[in-house]
Amino acid sequence: MRFCLFLLFAGLMDAVLTHFGIASGIVKEANPMLNIVIEKGWPQFYVVKIVLPLILIGLYVLCPIKGRARILLISACVLYFSVLVYHMVWIVLYLNTLT
């Protein structure tokens, strides 16, 4: 369950940081599917970023994840962690340009 909760937290952090980066013109969304969602509006973007991990949590409650699915879940957490590190890098680079 903790991996599912991490994905929810990471998704929220990713959404907020992506919103900040795009709104301030620092970055662009690299995922073409999410770019389409952003074009429809920021509320829809936040819904996607929140609902998908919530669905995963619901599925986990109904049928705990084991075996290969657990390895995929952990892999998703590692990938999302790397995305958050990437966000931190561009934020630091952006803050360095302000000085």
N, C-alpha and C. Protein backbone atom coordinates (compact mmCIF):
# COMPACT_ATOMS: atom_id res chain seq x y z
N MET A 1 0.83 -1.20 0.00
CA MET A 1 0.00 0.00 0.00
C MET A 1 0.87 1.26 0.00
N ARG A 2 2.02 1.18 0.67
CA ARG A 2 2.86 2.38 0.75
C ARG A 2 3.36 2.82 -0.62
N PHE A 3 3.56 1.87 -1.53
CA PHE A 3 3.99 2.23 -2.88
C PHE A 3 2.86 2.95 -3.62
N CYS A 4 1.64 2.51 -3.42
CA CYS A 4 0.48 3.18 -4.03
C CYS A 4 0.34 4.59 -3.48
N LEU A 5 0.52 4.75 -2.18
CA LEU A 5 0.44 6.08 -1.57
C LEU A 5 1.57 6.98 -2.06
N PHE A 6 2.75 6.38 -2.25
CA PHE A 6 3.86 7.17 -2.80
C PHE A 6 3.51 7.68 -4.19
N LEU A 7 2.91 6.81 -5.02
CA LEU A 7 2.52 7.24 -6.36
C LEU A 7 1.49 8.37 -6.32
N LEU A 8 0.58 8.32 -5.36
CA LEU A 8 -0.39 9.40 -5.21
C LEU A 8 0.33 10.70 -4.84
N PHE A 9 1.22 10.63 -3.85
CA PHE A 9 1.98 11.81 -3.43
C PHE A 9 2.86 12.32 -4.58
N ALA A 10 3.55 11.41 -5.25
CA ALA A 10 4.43 11.81 -6.35
C ALA A 10 3.63 12.42 -7.50
N GLY A 11 2.45 11.88 -7.76
CA GLY A 11 1.60 12.43 -8.81
C GLY A 11 1.14 13.86 -8.48
N LEU A 12 0.80 14.07 -7.22
CA LEU A 12 0.41 15.43 -6.80
C LEU A 12 1.57 16.40 -6.91
N MET A 13 2.74 15.97 -6.44
CA MET A 13 3.93 16.83 -6.52
C MET A 13 4.28 17.12 -7.98
N ASP A 14 4.21 16.10 -8.81
CA ASP A 14 4.51 16.25 -10.23
C ASP A 14 3.52 17.23 -10.86
N ALA A 15 2.25 17.12 -10.52
CA ALA A 15 1.24 18.01 -11.08
C ALA A 15 1.50 19.46 -10.69
N VAL A 16 1.77 19.69 -9.43
CA VAL A 16 2.01 21.06 -8.95
C VAL A 16 3.27 21.65 -9.59
N LEU A 17 4.35 20.86 -9.61
CA LEU A 17 5.60 21.37 -10.17
C LEU A 17 5.50 21.56 -11.69
N THR A 18 4.81 20.66 -12.36
CA THR A 18 4.61 20.81 -13.80
C THR A 18 3.78 22.06 -14.08
N HIS A 19 2.73 22.27 -13.32
CA HIS A 19 1.89 23.46 -13.49
C HIS A 19 2.73 24.72 -13.31
N PHE A 20 3.54 24.75 -12.26
CA PHE A 20 4.40 25.90 -12.01
C PHE A 20 5.37 26.11 -13.17
N GLY A 21 6.00 25.03 -13.62
CA GLY A 21 6.99 25.13 -14.69
C GLY A 21 6.40 25.59 -16.00
N ILE A 22 5.25 25.06 -16.35
CA ILE A 22 4.62 25.44 -17.62
C ILE A 22 4.05 26.85 -17.54
N ALA A 23 3.39 27.17 -16.43
CA ALA A 23 2.79 28.50 -16.28
C ALA A 23 3.84 29.60 -16.30
N SER A 24 5.03 29.30 -15.78
CA SER A 24 6.08 30.32 -15.76
C SER A 24 6.97 30.25 -17.01
N GLY A 25 6.69 29.31 -17.91
CA GLY A 25 7.43 29.23 -19.15
C GLY A 25 8.80 28.58 -19.03
N ILE A 26 9.04 27.88 -17.94
CA ILE A 26 10.36 27.27 -17.72
C ILE A 26 10.49 25.95 -18.47
N VAL A 27 9.43 25.15 -18.47
CA VAL A 27 9.46 23.83 -19.09
C VAL A 27 8.22 23.63 -19.95
N LYS A 28 8.23 22.53 -20.70
CA LYS A 28 7.07 22.11 -21.47
C LYS A 28 6.76 20.67 -21.08
N GLU A 29 5.51 20.29 -21.20
CA GLU A 29 5.12 18.91 -20.89
C GLU A 29 5.70 17.98 -21.94
N ALA A 30 6.43 16.96 -21.50
CA ALA A 30 7.08 16.03 -22.42
C ALA A 30 6.14 14.91 -22.86
N ASN A 31 5.10 14.63 -22.08
CA ASN A 31 4.18 13.55 -22.39
C ASN A 31 3.09 14.09 -23.32
N PRO A 32 3.04 13.63 -24.57
CA PRO A 32 2.06 14.17 -25.52
C PRO A 32 0.61 13.97 -25.08
N MET A 33 0.33 12.86 -24.40
CA MET A 33 -1.05 12.62 -23.95
C MET A 33 -1.43 13.62 -22.86
N LEU A 34 -0.54 13.86 -21.91
CA LEU A 34 -0.84 14.84 -20.87
C LEU A 34 -0.85 16.25 -21.43
N ASN A 35 -0.09 16.49 -22.48
CA ASN A 35 -0.12 17.80 -23.12
C ASN A 35 -1.51 18.11 -23.66
N ILE A 36 -2.16 17.09 -24.21
CA ILE A 36 -3.54 17.26 -24.70
C ILE A 36 -4.47 17.57 -23.53
N VAL A 37 -4.27 16.89 -22.40
CA VAL A 37 -5.10 17.13 -21.21
C VAL A 37 -4.88 18.56 -20.71
N ILE A 38 -3.64 19.01 -20.69
CA ILE A 38 -3.33 20.38 -20.24
C ILE A 38 -4.00 21.40 -21.15
N GLU A 39 -4.01 21.14 -22.44
CA GLU A 39 -4.67 22.06 -23.38
C GLU A 39 -6.16 22.19 -23.08
N LYS A 40 -6.76 21.12 -22.57
CA LYS A 40 -8.19 21.16 -22.20
C LYS A 40 -8.40 21.97 -20.93
N GLY A 41 -7.40 22.00 -20.05
CA GLY A 41 -7.51 22.80 -18.83
C GLY A 41 -6.76 22.16 -17.67
N TRP A 42 -6.31 23.03 -16.77
CA TRP A 42 -5.56 22.54 -15.61
C TRP A 42 -6.40 21.68 -14.68
N PRO A 43 -7.69 21.97 -14.48
CA PRO A 43 -8.47 21.06 -13.60
C PRO A 43 -8.48 19.62 -14.10
N GLN A 44 -8.59 19.44 -15.42
CA GLN A 44 -8.58 18.09 -15.97
C GLN A 44 -7.23 17.42 -15.74
N PHE A 45 -6.16 18.19 -15.85
CA PHE A 45 -4.81 17.68 -15.61
C PHE A 45 -4.69 17.17 -14.17
N TYR A 46 -5.18 17.96 -13.21
CA TYR A 46 -5.11 17.55 -11.81
C TYR A 46 -5.99 16.33 -11.55
N VAL A 47 -7.13 16.26 -12.20
CA VAL A 47 -8.01 15.10 -12.03
C VAL A 47 -7.29 13.83 -12.48
N VAL A 48 -6.65 13.89 -13.65
CA VAL A 48 -5.92 12.72 -14.15
C VAL A 48 -4.82 12.32 -13.17
N LYS A 49 -4.07 13.31 -12.70
CA LYS A 49 -2.95 13.03 -11.81
C LYS A 49 -3.40 12.48 -10.45
N ILE A 50 -4.61 12.77 -10.05
CA ILE A 50 -5.12 12.30 -8.75
C ILE A 50 -5.92 11.01 -8.91
N VAL A 51 -6.75 10.93 -9.93
CA VAL A 51 -7.66 9.79 -10.07
C VAL A 51 -6.92 8.49 -10.39
N LEU A 52 -5.91 8.54 -11.26
CA LEU A 52 -5.22 7.30 -11.62
C LEU A 52 -4.57 6.61 -10.42
N PRO A 53 -3.84 7.33 -9.56
CA PRO A 53 -3.32 6.64 -8.36
C PRO A 53 -4.43 6.19 -7.42
N LEU A 54 -5.54 6.93 -7.35
CA LEU A 54 -6.65 6.50 -6.49
C LEU A 54 -7.27 5.21 -7.01
N ILE A 55 -7.34 5.06 -8.33
CA ILE A 55 -7.84 3.81 -8.90
C ILE A 55 -6.89 2.67 -8.53
N LEU A 56 -5.60 2.93 -8.60
CA LEU A 56 -4.62 1.91 -8.22
C LEU A 56 -4.78 1.51 -6.76
N ILE A 57 -5.00 2.48 -5.89
CA ILE A 57 -5.22 2.18 -4.47
C ILE A 57 -6.48 1.34 -4.30
N GLY A 58 -7.55 1.68 -5.02
CA GLY A 58 -8.77 0.89 -4.95
C GLY A 58 -8.56 -0.53 -5.42
N LEU A 59 -7.82 -0.70 -6.50
CA LEU A 59 -7.51 -2.04 -6.99
C LEU A 59 -6.67 -2.81 -5.99
N TYR A 60 -5.74 -2.11 -5.35
CA TYR A 60 -4.88 -2.75 -4.35
C TYR A 60 -5.71 -3.25 -3.17
N VAL A 61 -6.69 -2.46 -2.75
CA VAL A 61 -7.54 -2.86 -1.64
C VAL A 61 -8.37 -4.09 -2.02
N LEU A 62 -8.87 -4.12 -3.25
CA LEU A 62 -9.67 -5.25 -3.71
C LEU A 62 -8.84 -6.51 -3.92
N CYS A 63 -7.65 -6.34 -4.43
CA CYS A 63 -6.79 -7.49 -4.74
C CYS A 63 -5.33 -7.08 -4.55
N PRO A 64 -4.76 -7.35 -3.36
CA PRO A 64 -3.37 -6.93 -3.11
C PRO A 64 -2.41 -7.37 -4.22
N ILE A 65 -1.50 -6.49 -4.55
CA ILE A 65 -0.57 -6.71 -5.65
C ILE A 65 0.57 -7.61 -5.17
N LYS A 66 0.84 -8.66 -5.96
CA LYS A 66 1.91 -9.60 -5.62
C LYS A 66 2.69 -9.95 -6.88
N GLY A 67 3.83 -10.57 -6.69
CA GLY A 67 4.61 -11.09 -7.81
C GLY A 67 5.09 -10.03 -8.78
N ARG A 68 4.89 -10.31 -10.06
CA ARG A 68 5.36 -9.40 -11.12
C ARG A 68 4.69 -8.03 -11.06
N ALA A 69 3.44 -8.01 -10.68
CA ALA A 69 2.73 -6.74 -10.59
C ALA A 69 3.37 -5.85 -9.52
N ARG A 70 3.83 -6.46 -8.45
CA ARG A 70 4.52 -5.69 -7.39
C ARG A 70 5.84 -5.12 -7.92
N ILE A 71 6.54 -5.90 -8.71
CA ILE A 71 7.79 -5.41 -9.31
C ILE A 71 7.50 -4.23 -10.23
N LEU A 72 6.42 -4.31 -10.99
CA LEU A 72 6.03 -3.19 -11.85
C LEU A 72 5.66 -1.96 -11.03
N LEU A 73 4.97 -2.18 -9.92
CA LEU A 73 4.59 -1.07 -9.04
C LEU A 73 5.83 -0.39 -8.47
N ILE A 74 6.79 -1.18 -8.02
CA ILE A 74 8.03 -0.62 -7.47
C ILE A 74 8.80 0.11 -8.58
N SER A 75 8.81 -0.45 -9.78
CA SER A 75 9.47 0.20 -10.92
C SER A 75 8.83 1.55 -11.23
N ALA A 76 7.50 1.61 -11.15
CA ALA A 76 6.80 2.88 -11.37
C ALA A 76 7.19 3.90 -10.32
N CYS A 77 7.35 3.45 -9.08
CA CYS A 77 7.77 4.36 -8.01
C CYS A 77 9.18 4.90 -8.27
N VAL A 78 10.08 4.04 -8.71
CA VAL A 78 11.45 4.47 -9.02
C VAL A 78 11.43 5.48 -10.17
N LEU A 79 10.65 5.21 -11.20
CA LEU A 79 10.56 6.14 -12.32
C LEU A 79 9.96 7.48 -11.89
N TYR A 80 8.92 7.43 -11.07
CA TYR A 80 8.31 8.68 -10.60
C TYR A 80 9.27 9.46 -9.72
N PHE A 81 10.06 8.75 -8.93
CA PHE A 81 11.07 9.42 -8.10
C PHE A 81 12.07 10.14 -9.00
N SER A 82 12.46 9.49 -10.10
CA SER A 82 13.40 10.14 -11.02
C SER A 82 12.77 11.37 -11.67
N VAL A 83 11.48 11.33 -11.93
CA VAL A 83 10.78 12.51 -12.47
C VAL A 83 10.83 13.65 -11.46
N LEU A 84 10.61 13.34 -10.19
CA LEU A 84 10.67 14.38 -9.16
C LEU A 84 12.08 14.95 -9.02
N VAL A 85 13.09 14.10 -9.16
CA VAL A 85 14.48 14.59 -9.13
C VAL A 85 14.70 15.52 -10.32
N TYR A 86 14.18 15.14 -11.48
CA TYR A 86 14.29 16.00 -12.66
C TYR A 86 13.64 17.37 -12.41
N HIS A 87 12.48 17.37 -11.76
CA HIS A 87 11.82 18.63 -11.41
C HIS A 87 12.72 19.47 -10.51
N MET A 88 13.33 18.84 -9.53
CA MET A 88 14.19 19.57 -8.62
C MET A 88 15.39 20.18 -9.36
N VAL A 89 15.92 19.46 -10.35
CA VAL A 89 17.06 19.96 -11.12
C VAL A 89 16.66 21.22 -11.88
N TRP A 90 15.52 21.18 -12.60
CA TRP A 90 15.17 22.39 -13.36
C TRP A 90 14.77 23.54 -12.45
N ILE A 91 14.24 23.24 -11.27
CA ILE A 91 13.92 24.31 -10.33
C ILE A 91 15.21 24.97 -9.84
N VAL A 92 16.19 24.17 -9.50
CA VAL A 92 17.48 24.72 -9.04
C VAL A 92 18.13 25.52 -10.17
N LEU A 93 18.12 25.00 -11.38
CA LEU A 93 18.69 25.73 -12.51
C LEU A 93 17.95 27.04 -12.75
N TYR A 94 16.64 27.01 -12.63
CA TYR A 94 15.84 28.24 -12.80
C TYR A 94 16.17 29.26 -11.71
N LEU A 95 16.26 28.79 -10.48
CA LEU A 95 16.57 29.71 -9.37
C LEU A 95 17.97 30.30 -9.52
N ASN A 96 18.90 29.54 -10.09
CA ASN A 96 20.25 30.06 -10.31
C ASN A 96 20.28 31.15 -11.38
N THR A 97 19.34 31.12 -12.32
CA THR A 97 19.32 32.15 -13.35
C THR A 97 18.75 33.47 -12.81
N LEU A 98 18.03 33.40 -11.68
CA LEU A 98 17.46 34.61 -11.10
C LEU A 98 18.50 35.47 -10.40
N THR A 99 19.61 34.87 -10.02
CA THR A 99 20.63 35.63 -9.25
C THR A 99 21.63 36.27 -10.15
